[in-house]
N, C-alpha and C. Protein backbone atom coordinates (compact mmCIF):
# COMPACT_ATOMS: atom_id res chain seq x y z
N UNK A 1 -26.46 -43.72 -38.91
CA UNK A 1 -25.27 -43.15 -38.28
C UNK A 1 -25.73 -42.11 -37.26
N UNK A 2 -25.13 -42.21 -36.08
CA UNK A 2 -25.51 -41.26 -35.04
C UNK A 2 -25.02 -39.86 -35.40
N UNK A 3 -25.62 -38.89 -34.75
CA UNK A 3 -25.27 -37.49 -35.00
C UNK A 3 -23.81 -37.21 -34.68
N UNK A 4 -23.31 -37.75 -33.55
CA UNK A 4 -21.91 -37.50 -33.18
C UNK A 4 -20.96 -38.17 -34.16
N UNK A 5 -21.34 -39.34 -34.67
CA UNK A 5 -20.50 -40.01 -35.67
C UNK A 5 -20.45 -39.22 -36.97
N UNK A 6 -21.57 -38.66 -37.39
CA UNK A 6 -21.55 -37.90 -38.63
C UNK A 6 -20.76 -36.61 -38.47
N UNK A 7 -20.79 -36.01 -37.28
CA UNK A 7 -19.98 -34.81 -37.04
C UNK A 7 -18.51 -35.18 -37.10
N UNK A 8 -18.12 -36.30 -36.46
CA UNK A 8 -16.72 -36.75 -36.51
C UNK A 8 -16.30 -37.09 -37.93
N UNK A 9 -17.18 -37.72 -38.68
CA UNK A 9 -16.87 -38.06 -40.07
C UNK A 9 -16.69 -36.80 -40.91
N UNK A 10 -17.54 -35.81 -40.68
CA UNK A 10 -17.42 -34.54 -41.40
C UNK A 10 -16.12 -33.82 -41.02
N UNK A 11 -15.78 -33.85 -39.73
CA UNK A 11 -14.53 -33.23 -39.27
C UNK A 11 -13.33 -33.93 -39.91
N UNK A 12 -13.37 -35.27 -39.96
CA UNK A 12 -12.28 -36.02 -40.59
C UNK A 12 -12.17 -35.67 -42.07
N UNK A 13 -13.31 -35.52 -42.73
CA UNK A 13 -13.30 -35.14 -44.15
C UNK A 13 -12.73 -33.75 -44.34
N UNK A 14 -13.08 -32.82 -43.47
CA UNK A 14 -12.57 -31.45 -43.56
C UNK A 14 -11.05 -31.43 -43.38
N UNK A 15 -10.54 -32.19 -42.41
CA UNK A 15 -9.09 -32.26 -42.19
C UNK A 15 -8.42 -32.95 -43.37
N UNK A 16 -8.94 -34.12 -43.76
CA UNK A 16 -8.31 -34.91 -44.82
C UNK A 16 -8.25 -34.16 -46.15
N UNK A 17 -9.26 -33.36 -46.44
CA UNK A 17 -9.30 -32.64 -47.72
C UNK A 17 -8.66 -31.26 -47.64
N UNK A 18 -7.93 -31.00 -46.58
CA UNK A 18 -7.26 -29.70 -46.47
C UNK A 18 -8.26 -28.56 -46.54
N UNK A 19 -9.28 -28.62 -45.67
CA UNK A 19 -10.34 -27.60 -45.63
C UNK A 19 -11.07 -27.50 -46.97
N UNK A 20 -11.18 -28.63 -47.66
CA UNK A 20 -11.90 -28.67 -48.93
C UNK A 20 -11.05 -28.44 -50.15
N UNK A 21 -9.79 -28.09 -49.99
CA UNK A 21 -8.94 -27.81 -51.15
C UNK A 21 -8.70 -29.05 -52.00
N UNK A 22 -8.88 -30.23 -51.42
CA UNK A 22 -8.73 -31.46 -52.18
C UNK A 22 -9.79 -31.64 -53.24
N UNK A 23 -10.85 -30.84 -53.17
CA UNK A 23 -11.91 -30.90 -54.18
C UNK A 23 -11.63 -29.99 -55.38
N UNK A 24 -10.45 -29.38 -55.42
CA UNK A 24 -10.09 -28.53 -56.57
C UNK A 24 -10.23 -29.35 -57.85
N UNK A 25 -10.79 -28.76 -58.91
CA UNK A 25 -11.05 -29.53 -60.13
C UNK A 25 -9.79 -30.01 -60.84
N UNK A 26 -8.67 -29.34 -60.63
CA UNK A 26 -7.40 -29.83 -61.18
C UNK A 26 -6.29 -29.55 -60.17
N UNK A 27 -5.29 -30.39 -60.17
CA UNK A 27 -4.13 -30.27 -59.28
C UNK A 27 -4.52 -30.10 -57.81
N UNK A 28 -5.33 -31.03 -57.26
CA UNK A 28 -5.72 -30.89 -55.86
C UNK A 28 -4.52 -30.92 -54.91
N UNK A 29 -3.47 -31.65 -55.26
CA UNK A 29 -2.27 -31.67 -54.41
C UNK A 29 -1.62 -30.30 -54.33
N UNK A 30 -1.58 -29.61 -55.46
CA UNK A 30 -1.02 -28.26 -55.47
C UNK A 30 -1.91 -27.31 -54.68
N UNK A 31 -3.23 -27.49 -54.81
CA UNK A 31 -4.16 -26.67 -54.03
C UNK A 31 -3.94 -26.91 -52.53
N UNK A 32 -3.75 -28.16 -52.14
CA UNK A 32 -3.48 -28.47 -50.75
C UNK A 32 -2.17 -27.86 -50.27
N UNK A 33 -1.16 -27.86 -51.14
CA UNK A 33 0.13 -27.24 -50.79
C UNK A 33 -0.03 -25.74 -50.60
N UNK A 34 -0.85 -25.11 -51.44
CA UNK A 34 -1.09 -23.67 -51.30
C UNK A 34 -1.80 -23.37 -49.99
N UNK A 35 -2.76 -24.21 -49.61
CA UNK A 35 -3.41 -24.05 -48.31
C UNK A 35 -2.37 -24.21 -47.21
N UNK A 36 -1.47 -25.17 -47.39
CA UNK A 36 -0.39 -25.35 -46.42
C UNK A 36 0.46 -24.11 -46.27
N UNK A 37 0.76 -23.45 -47.39
CA UNK A 37 1.53 -22.19 -47.33
C UNK A 37 0.79 -21.13 -46.53
N UNK A 38 -0.50 -20.99 -46.80
CA UNK A 38 -1.30 -19.98 -46.09
C UNK A 38 -1.36 -20.27 -44.60
N UNK A 39 -1.51 -21.54 -44.25
CA UNK A 39 -1.60 -21.90 -42.83
C UNK A 39 -0.24 -21.87 -42.14
N UNK A 40 0.83 -21.95 -42.93
CA UNK A 40 2.17 -21.95 -42.32
C UNK A 40 2.54 -20.57 -41.78
N UNK A 41 2.02 -19.53 -42.38
CA UNK A 41 2.38 -18.17 -41.94
C UNK A 41 2.15 -17.98 -40.44
N UNK A 42 0.94 -18.23 -39.91
CA UNK A 42 0.78 -18.07 -38.46
C UNK A 42 1.59 -19.11 -37.67
N UNK A 43 1.74 -20.31 -38.22
CA UNK A 43 2.54 -21.34 -37.55
C UNK A 43 3.99 -20.89 -37.38
N UNK A 44 4.50 -20.19 -38.37
CA UNK A 44 5.91 -19.76 -38.34
C UNK A 44 6.18 -18.75 -37.24
N UNK A 45 5.14 -18.15 -36.69
CA UNK A 45 5.30 -17.17 -35.62
C UNK A 45 5.52 -17.84 -34.26
N UNK A 46 5.26 -19.14 -34.20
CA UNK A 46 5.45 -19.86 -32.95
C UNK A 46 6.93 -20.16 -32.73
N UNK A 47 7.33 -20.39 -31.47
CA UNK A 47 8.71 -20.83 -31.24
C UNK A 47 8.91 -22.23 -31.83
N UNK A 48 10.16 -22.64 -31.93
CA UNK A 48 10.51 -23.92 -32.55
C UNK A 48 9.65 -25.07 -32.04
N UNK A 49 9.55 -25.23 -30.72
CA UNK A 49 8.79 -26.34 -30.15
C UNK A 49 7.33 -26.28 -30.57
N UNK A 50 6.77 -25.09 -30.65
CA UNK A 50 5.39 -24.93 -31.09
C UNK A 50 5.20 -25.32 -32.54
N UNK A 51 6.11 -24.90 -33.40
CA UNK A 51 6.03 -25.27 -34.82
C UNK A 51 6.07 -26.78 -34.99
N UNK A 52 7.03 -27.41 -34.32
CA UNK A 52 7.17 -28.86 -34.44
C UNK A 52 5.96 -29.56 -33.82
N UNK A 53 5.51 -29.09 -32.66
CA UNK A 53 4.37 -29.70 -31.99
C UNK A 53 3.10 -29.65 -32.82
N UNK A 54 2.81 -28.50 -33.41
CA UNK A 54 1.61 -28.36 -34.24
C UNK A 54 1.74 -29.21 -35.50
N UNK A 55 2.94 -29.27 -36.07
CA UNK A 55 3.16 -30.09 -37.27
C UNK A 55 2.96 -31.57 -36.96
N UNK A 56 3.53 -32.03 -35.85
CA UNK A 56 3.36 -33.43 -35.44
C UNK A 56 1.88 -33.72 -35.15
N UNK A 57 1.21 -32.79 -34.48
CA UNK A 57 -0.21 -32.98 -34.17
C UNK A 57 -1.04 -33.09 -35.45
N UNK A 58 -0.78 -32.22 -36.44
CA UNK A 58 -1.53 -32.32 -37.69
C UNK A 58 -1.16 -33.60 -38.44
N UNK A 59 0.10 -34.02 -38.35
CA UNK A 59 0.49 -35.29 -38.98
C UNK A 59 -0.34 -36.44 -38.38
N UNK A 60 -0.43 -36.50 -37.07
CA UNK A 60 -1.17 -37.59 -36.42
C UNK A 60 -2.67 -37.49 -36.70
N UNK A 61 -3.22 -36.29 -36.58
CA UNK A 61 -4.64 -36.09 -36.88
C UNK A 61 -4.91 -36.39 -38.36
N UNK A 62 -4.01 -35.92 -39.23
CA UNK A 62 -4.16 -36.16 -40.66
C UNK A 62 -4.08 -37.64 -41.01
N UNK A 63 -3.23 -38.38 -40.30
CA UNK A 63 -3.11 -39.82 -40.52
C UNK A 63 -4.44 -40.50 -40.23
N UNK A 64 -5.07 -40.13 -39.12
CA UNK A 64 -6.37 -40.69 -38.76
C UNK A 64 -7.45 -40.27 -39.76
N UNK A 65 -7.48 -38.99 -40.09
CA UNK A 65 -8.50 -38.47 -41.01
C UNK A 65 -8.35 -39.08 -42.40
N UNK A 66 -7.11 -39.18 -42.88
CA UNK A 66 -6.86 -39.76 -44.21
C UNK A 66 -7.27 -41.22 -44.24
N UNK A 67 -6.94 -41.97 -43.18
CA UNK A 67 -7.32 -43.38 -43.11
C UNK A 67 -8.84 -43.52 -43.11
N UNK A 68 -9.52 -42.66 -42.35
CA UNK A 68 -10.98 -42.72 -42.28
C UNK A 68 -11.60 -42.48 -43.66
N UNK A 69 -11.16 -41.41 -44.33
CA UNK A 69 -11.76 -41.08 -45.63
C UNK A 69 -11.40 -42.13 -46.68
N UNK A 70 -10.16 -42.62 -46.67
CA UNK A 70 -9.75 -43.65 -47.63
C UNK A 70 -10.59 -44.91 -47.43
N UNK A 71 -10.82 -45.28 -46.18
CA UNK A 71 -11.63 -46.46 -45.88
C UNK A 71 -13.07 -46.26 -46.32
N UNK A 72 -13.60 -45.08 -46.03
CA UNK A 72 -14.98 -44.78 -46.41
C UNK A 72 -15.18 -44.82 -47.92
N UNK A 73 -14.16 -44.33 -48.67
CA UNK A 73 -14.26 -44.30 -50.13
C UNK A 73 -13.82 -45.60 -50.77
N UNK A 74 -13.12 -46.45 -50.02
CA UNK A 74 -12.61 -47.70 -50.58
C UNK A 74 -11.46 -47.50 -51.54
N UNK A 75 -10.68 -46.43 -51.34
CA UNK A 75 -9.54 -46.10 -52.20
C UNK A 75 -8.32 -45.95 -51.30
N UNK A 76 -7.19 -46.59 -51.67
CA UNK A 76 -6.00 -46.56 -50.82
C UNK A 76 -5.49 -45.14 -50.56
N UNK A 77 -5.40 -44.32 -51.58
CA UNK A 77 -4.90 -42.93 -51.42
C UNK A 77 -5.73 -42.02 -52.32
N UNK A 78 -6.92 -41.61 -51.84
CA UNK A 78 -7.80 -40.79 -52.67
C UNK A 78 -7.17 -39.44 -53.02
N UNK A 79 -7.38 -39.00 -54.24
CA UNK A 79 -6.83 -37.72 -54.69
C UNK A 79 -7.34 -36.53 -53.89
N UNK A 80 -8.54 -36.67 -53.31
CA UNK A 80 -9.08 -35.54 -52.55
C UNK A 80 -8.41 -35.38 -51.19
N UNK A 81 -7.68 -36.40 -50.74
CA UNK A 81 -6.97 -36.30 -49.46
C UNK A 81 -5.68 -35.52 -49.70
N UNK A 82 -5.62 -34.33 -49.13
CA UNK A 82 -4.45 -33.45 -49.33
C UNK A 82 -3.85 -32.96 -48.01
N UNK A 83 -4.31 -33.48 -46.88
CA UNK A 83 -3.70 -33.09 -45.61
C UNK A 83 -2.22 -33.48 -45.62
N UNK A 84 -1.89 -34.52 -46.38
CA UNK A 84 -0.48 -34.92 -46.51
C UNK A 84 0.34 -33.83 -47.20
N UNK A 85 -0.25 -33.15 -48.17
CA UNK A 85 0.43 -32.03 -48.82
C UNK A 85 0.58 -30.84 -47.87
N UNK A 86 -0.44 -30.60 -47.06
CA UNK A 86 -0.36 -29.50 -46.10
C UNK A 86 0.81 -29.74 -45.14
N UNK A 87 0.87 -30.94 -44.57
CA UNK A 87 1.93 -31.26 -43.61
C UNK A 87 3.29 -31.28 -44.30
N UNK A 88 3.37 -31.89 -45.48
CA UNK A 88 4.64 -31.92 -46.21
C UNK A 88 5.14 -30.53 -46.55
N UNK A 89 4.21 -29.65 -46.91
CA UNK A 89 4.59 -28.27 -47.21
C UNK A 89 5.12 -27.59 -45.96
N UNK A 90 4.48 -27.82 -44.82
CA UNK A 90 4.98 -27.25 -43.57
C UNK A 90 6.39 -27.73 -43.29
N UNK A 91 6.61 -29.04 -43.44
CA UNK A 91 7.94 -29.60 -43.17
C UNK A 91 8.98 -28.97 -44.08
N UNK A 92 8.60 -28.68 -45.32
CA UNK A 92 9.56 -28.09 -46.27
C UNK A 92 10.02 -26.70 -45.84
N UNK A 93 9.26 -26.04 -44.97
CA UNK A 93 9.58 -24.67 -44.56
C UNK A 93 9.99 -24.54 -43.09
N UNK A 94 9.88 -25.61 -42.33
CA UNK A 94 10.18 -25.53 -40.90
C UNK A 94 11.58 -25.00 -40.64
N UNK A 95 11.65 -24.01 -39.78
CA UNK A 95 12.91 -23.44 -39.30
C UNK A 95 13.77 -22.82 -40.39
N UNK A 96 13.18 -22.48 -41.50
CA UNK A 96 13.90 -21.73 -42.53
C UNK A 96 13.60 -20.25 -42.33
N UNK A 97 14.52 -19.37 -42.73
CA UNK A 97 14.17 -17.95 -42.74
C UNK A 97 13.10 -17.74 -43.80
N UNK A 98 11.98 -17.19 -43.42
CA UNK A 98 10.89 -17.03 -44.38
C UNK A 98 11.08 -15.75 -45.18
N UNK A 99 11.52 -15.95 -46.40
CA UNK A 99 11.65 -14.86 -47.37
C UNK A 99 10.87 -15.29 -48.60
N UNK A 100 10.57 -14.37 -49.50
CA UNK A 100 9.90 -14.80 -50.72
C UNK A 100 10.67 -15.92 -51.44
N UNK A 101 12.00 -15.83 -51.44
CA UNK A 101 12.81 -16.85 -52.11
C UNK A 101 12.67 -18.22 -51.45
N UNK A 102 12.78 -18.29 -50.13
CA UNK A 102 12.70 -19.59 -49.47
C UNK A 102 11.30 -20.18 -49.56
N UNK A 103 10.28 -19.35 -49.51
CA UNK A 103 8.91 -19.84 -49.63
C UNK A 103 8.67 -20.42 -51.03
N UNK A 104 9.09 -19.69 -52.06
CA UNK A 104 8.91 -20.18 -53.44
C UNK A 104 9.73 -21.45 -53.66
N UNK A 105 10.99 -21.45 -53.22
CA UNK A 105 11.82 -22.64 -53.38
C UNK A 105 11.24 -23.82 -52.61
N UNK A 106 10.82 -23.59 -51.37
CA UNK A 106 10.23 -24.66 -50.58
C UNK A 106 8.99 -25.23 -51.23
N UNK A 107 8.15 -24.35 -51.77
CA UNK A 107 6.93 -24.79 -52.44
C UNK A 107 7.26 -25.61 -53.69
N UNK A 108 8.10 -25.05 -54.56
CA UNK A 108 8.40 -25.73 -55.83
C UNK A 108 9.15 -27.04 -55.61
N UNK A 109 10.13 -27.03 -54.71
CA UNK A 109 10.89 -28.26 -54.46
C UNK A 109 10.00 -29.32 -53.81
N UNK A 110 9.13 -28.91 -52.90
CA UNK A 110 8.22 -29.88 -52.29
C UNK A 110 7.32 -30.50 -53.35
N UNK A 111 6.72 -29.67 -54.19
CA UNK A 111 5.82 -30.22 -55.22
C UNK A 111 6.57 -31.18 -56.14
N UNK A 112 7.77 -30.79 -56.58
CA UNK A 112 8.57 -31.64 -57.46
C UNK A 112 8.91 -32.97 -56.78
N UNK A 113 9.39 -32.90 -55.56
CA UNK A 113 9.79 -34.12 -54.85
C UNK A 113 8.60 -34.97 -54.44
N UNK A 114 7.45 -34.34 -54.22
CA UNK A 114 6.24 -35.11 -53.93
C UNK A 114 5.82 -35.92 -55.15
N UNK A 115 6.00 -35.35 -56.33
CA UNK A 115 5.66 -36.07 -57.56
C UNK A 115 6.71 -37.15 -57.87
N UNK A 116 7.99 -36.80 -57.76
CA UNK A 116 9.07 -37.75 -58.10
C UNK A 116 9.22 -38.86 -57.06
N UNK A 117 8.97 -38.55 -55.81
CA UNK A 117 9.07 -39.49 -54.70
C UNK A 117 10.40 -40.26 -54.69
N UNK A 118 11.52 -39.54 -54.51
CA UNK A 118 12.81 -40.24 -54.45
C UNK A 118 12.88 -41.15 -53.21
N UNK A 119 13.74 -42.17 -53.30
CA UNK A 119 13.88 -43.12 -52.21
C UNK A 119 14.22 -42.40 -50.92
N UNK A 120 13.66 -42.77 -49.82
CA UNK A 120 12.71 -43.86 -49.58
C UNK A 120 11.25 -43.42 -49.59
N UNK A 121 10.97 -42.22 -50.08
CA UNK A 121 9.59 -41.70 -50.04
C UNK A 121 8.61 -42.66 -50.71
N UNK A 122 8.95 -43.18 -51.89
CA UNK A 122 8.03 -44.08 -52.60
C UNK A 122 7.74 -45.33 -51.76
N UNK A 123 8.76 -45.83 -51.08
CA UNK A 123 8.56 -47.02 -50.23
C UNK A 123 7.58 -46.74 -49.10
N UNK A 124 7.56 -45.51 -48.61
CA UNK A 124 6.66 -45.17 -47.50
C UNK A 124 5.19 -45.28 -47.90
N UNK A 125 4.90 -45.17 -49.19
CA UNK A 125 3.51 -45.30 -49.65
C UNK A 125 2.94 -46.68 -49.33
N UNK A 126 3.81 -47.66 -49.13
CA UNK A 126 3.36 -49.03 -48.85
C UNK A 126 2.94 -49.23 -47.39
N UNK A 127 3.20 -48.23 -46.56
CA UNK A 127 2.76 -48.35 -45.17
C UNK A 127 1.24 -48.43 -45.13
N UNK A 128 0.68 -49.07 -44.11
CA UNK A 128 -0.77 -49.25 -44.08
C UNK A 128 -1.54 -47.96 -43.77
N UNK A 129 -2.74 -47.88 -44.34
CA UNK A 129 -3.69 -46.82 -44.03
C UNK A 129 -3.16 -45.41 -44.19
N UNK A 130 -3.50 -44.58 -43.23
CA UNK A 130 -3.12 -43.17 -43.28
C UNK A 130 -1.62 -42.96 -43.20
N UNK A 131 -0.89 -43.91 -42.60
CA UNK A 131 0.57 -43.77 -42.51
C UNK A 131 1.18 -43.71 -43.90
N UNK A 132 0.72 -44.57 -44.80
CA UNK A 132 1.23 -44.58 -46.17
C UNK A 132 0.85 -43.33 -46.96
N UNK A 133 -0.31 -42.77 -46.64
CA UNK A 133 -0.74 -41.54 -47.30
C UNK A 133 0.13 -40.36 -46.86
N UNK A 134 0.45 -40.31 -45.57
CA UNK A 134 1.14 -39.15 -45.01
C UNK A 134 2.66 -39.20 -45.11
N UNK A 135 3.26 -40.37 -44.90
CA UNK A 135 4.71 -40.46 -44.69
C UNK A 135 5.53 -40.06 -45.91
N UNK A 136 5.07 -40.40 -47.11
CA UNK A 136 5.86 -40.04 -48.31
C UNK A 136 5.93 -38.52 -48.49
N UNK A 137 4.88 -37.82 -48.11
CA UNK A 137 4.89 -36.36 -48.24
C UNK A 137 5.78 -35.71 -47.18
N UNK A 138 5.82 -36.29 -46.00
CA UNK A 138 6.73 -35.78 -44.98
C UNK A 138 8.17 -35.94 -45.46
N UNK A 139 8.47 -37.09 -46.08
CA UNK A 139 9.82 -37.31 -46.60
C UNK A 139 10.13 -36.30 -47.71
N UNK A 140 9.18 -36.05 -48.60
CA UNK A 140 9.39 -35.04 -49.66
C UNK A 140 9.62 -33.67 -49.03
N UNK A 141 8.91 -33.36 -47.95
CA UNK A 141 9.10 -32.10 -47.24
C UNK A 141 10.48 -32.00 -46.62
N UNK A 142 10.96 -33.10 -46.04
CA UNK A 142 12.31 -33.12 -45.46
C UNK A 142 13.35 -32.88 -46.55
N UNK A 143 13.21 -33.58 -47.67
CA UNK A 143 14.15 -33.38 -48.78
C UNK A 143 14.14 -31.93 -49.26
N UNK A 144 12.94 -31.37 -49.43
CA UNK A 144 12.84 -29.99 -49.92
C UNK A 144 13.49 -29.03 -48.93
N UNK A 145 13.24 -29.23 -47.64
CA UNK A 145 13.82 -28.37 -46.61
C UNK A 145 15.35 -28.43 -46.67
N UNK A 146 15.89 -29.64 -46.78
CA UNK A 146 17.35 -29.80 -46.84
C UNK A 146 17.93 -29.14 -48.09
N UNK A 147 17.24 -29.29 -49.22
CA UNK A 147 17.74 -28.67 -50.46
C UNK A 147 17.72 -27.15 -50.38
N UNK A 148 16.69 -26.58 -49.78
CA UNK A 148 16.66 -25.12 -49.61
C UNK A 148 17.82 -24.69 -48.71
N UNK A 149 18.06 -25.44 -47.64
CA UNK A 149 19.17 -25.12 -46.74
C UNK A 149 20.51 -25.17 -47.46
N UNK A 150 20.72 -26.21 -48.26
CA UNK A 150 21.97 -26.32 -49.03
C UNK A 150 22.07 -25.15 -49.99
N UNK A 151 20.97 -24.82 -50.66
CA UNK A 151 20.96 -23.68 -51.58
C UNK A 151 21.35 -22.39 -50.88
N UNK A 152 20.85 -22.19 -49.67
CA UNK A 152 21.18 -20.97 -48.92
C UNK A 152 22.64 -20.95 -48.48
N UNK A 153 23.21 -22.12 -48.24
CA UNK A 153 24.63 -22.19 -47.88
C UNK A 153 25.52 -21.89 -49.09
N UNK A 154 25.12 -22.43 -50.24
CA UNK A 154 25.92 -22.26 -51.46
C UNK A 154 25.75 -20.85 -52.03
N UNK A 155 24.51 -20.37 -52.04
CA UNK A 155 24.21 -19.04 -52.58
C UNK A 155 23.54 -18.19 -51.50
N UNK A 156 24.30 -17.71 -50.52
CA UNK A 156 23.67 -16.91 -49.46
C UNK A 156 23.06 -15.63 -50.02
N UNK A 157 21.89 -15.33 -49.51
CA UNK A 157 21.23 -14.09 -49.92
C UNK A 157 21.13 -13.18 -48.71
N UNK A 158 21.44 -11.93 -48.92
CA UNK A 158 21.43 -10.97 -47.81
C UNK A 158 20.03 -10.50 -47.53
């Protein structure tokens, strides 16, 4: 393998594993979500278009990186790939007022919905390659975001 290929492969592995959080000895998905929370803080300081643009960019980059690592390992959705959790966690918090309550709710609801995979999230896992790895988590993030929004409408907090 050429030097540039190994650098690209290492970069793909770093992205796919959520900066290595996918190697957590237990609950790597939760570890990836926590990394997502930490990385979301600076992202939340961007204007709307910037938040969405960076999220879409990481989704696309993550799709490529996840597909590369899955192919290299010969596993459809390796447990160490957690960039999908990072992106899904971001989606769960996009354009919400960031308070301790919304962050905790977004985190917990995203993790729950990522595990339960309500329709159509589970169906998205059947998409080929990195698309199937990433899309179900984005859907879980959308659901979590909507549920937090509904919660804030029903129980407004000052």
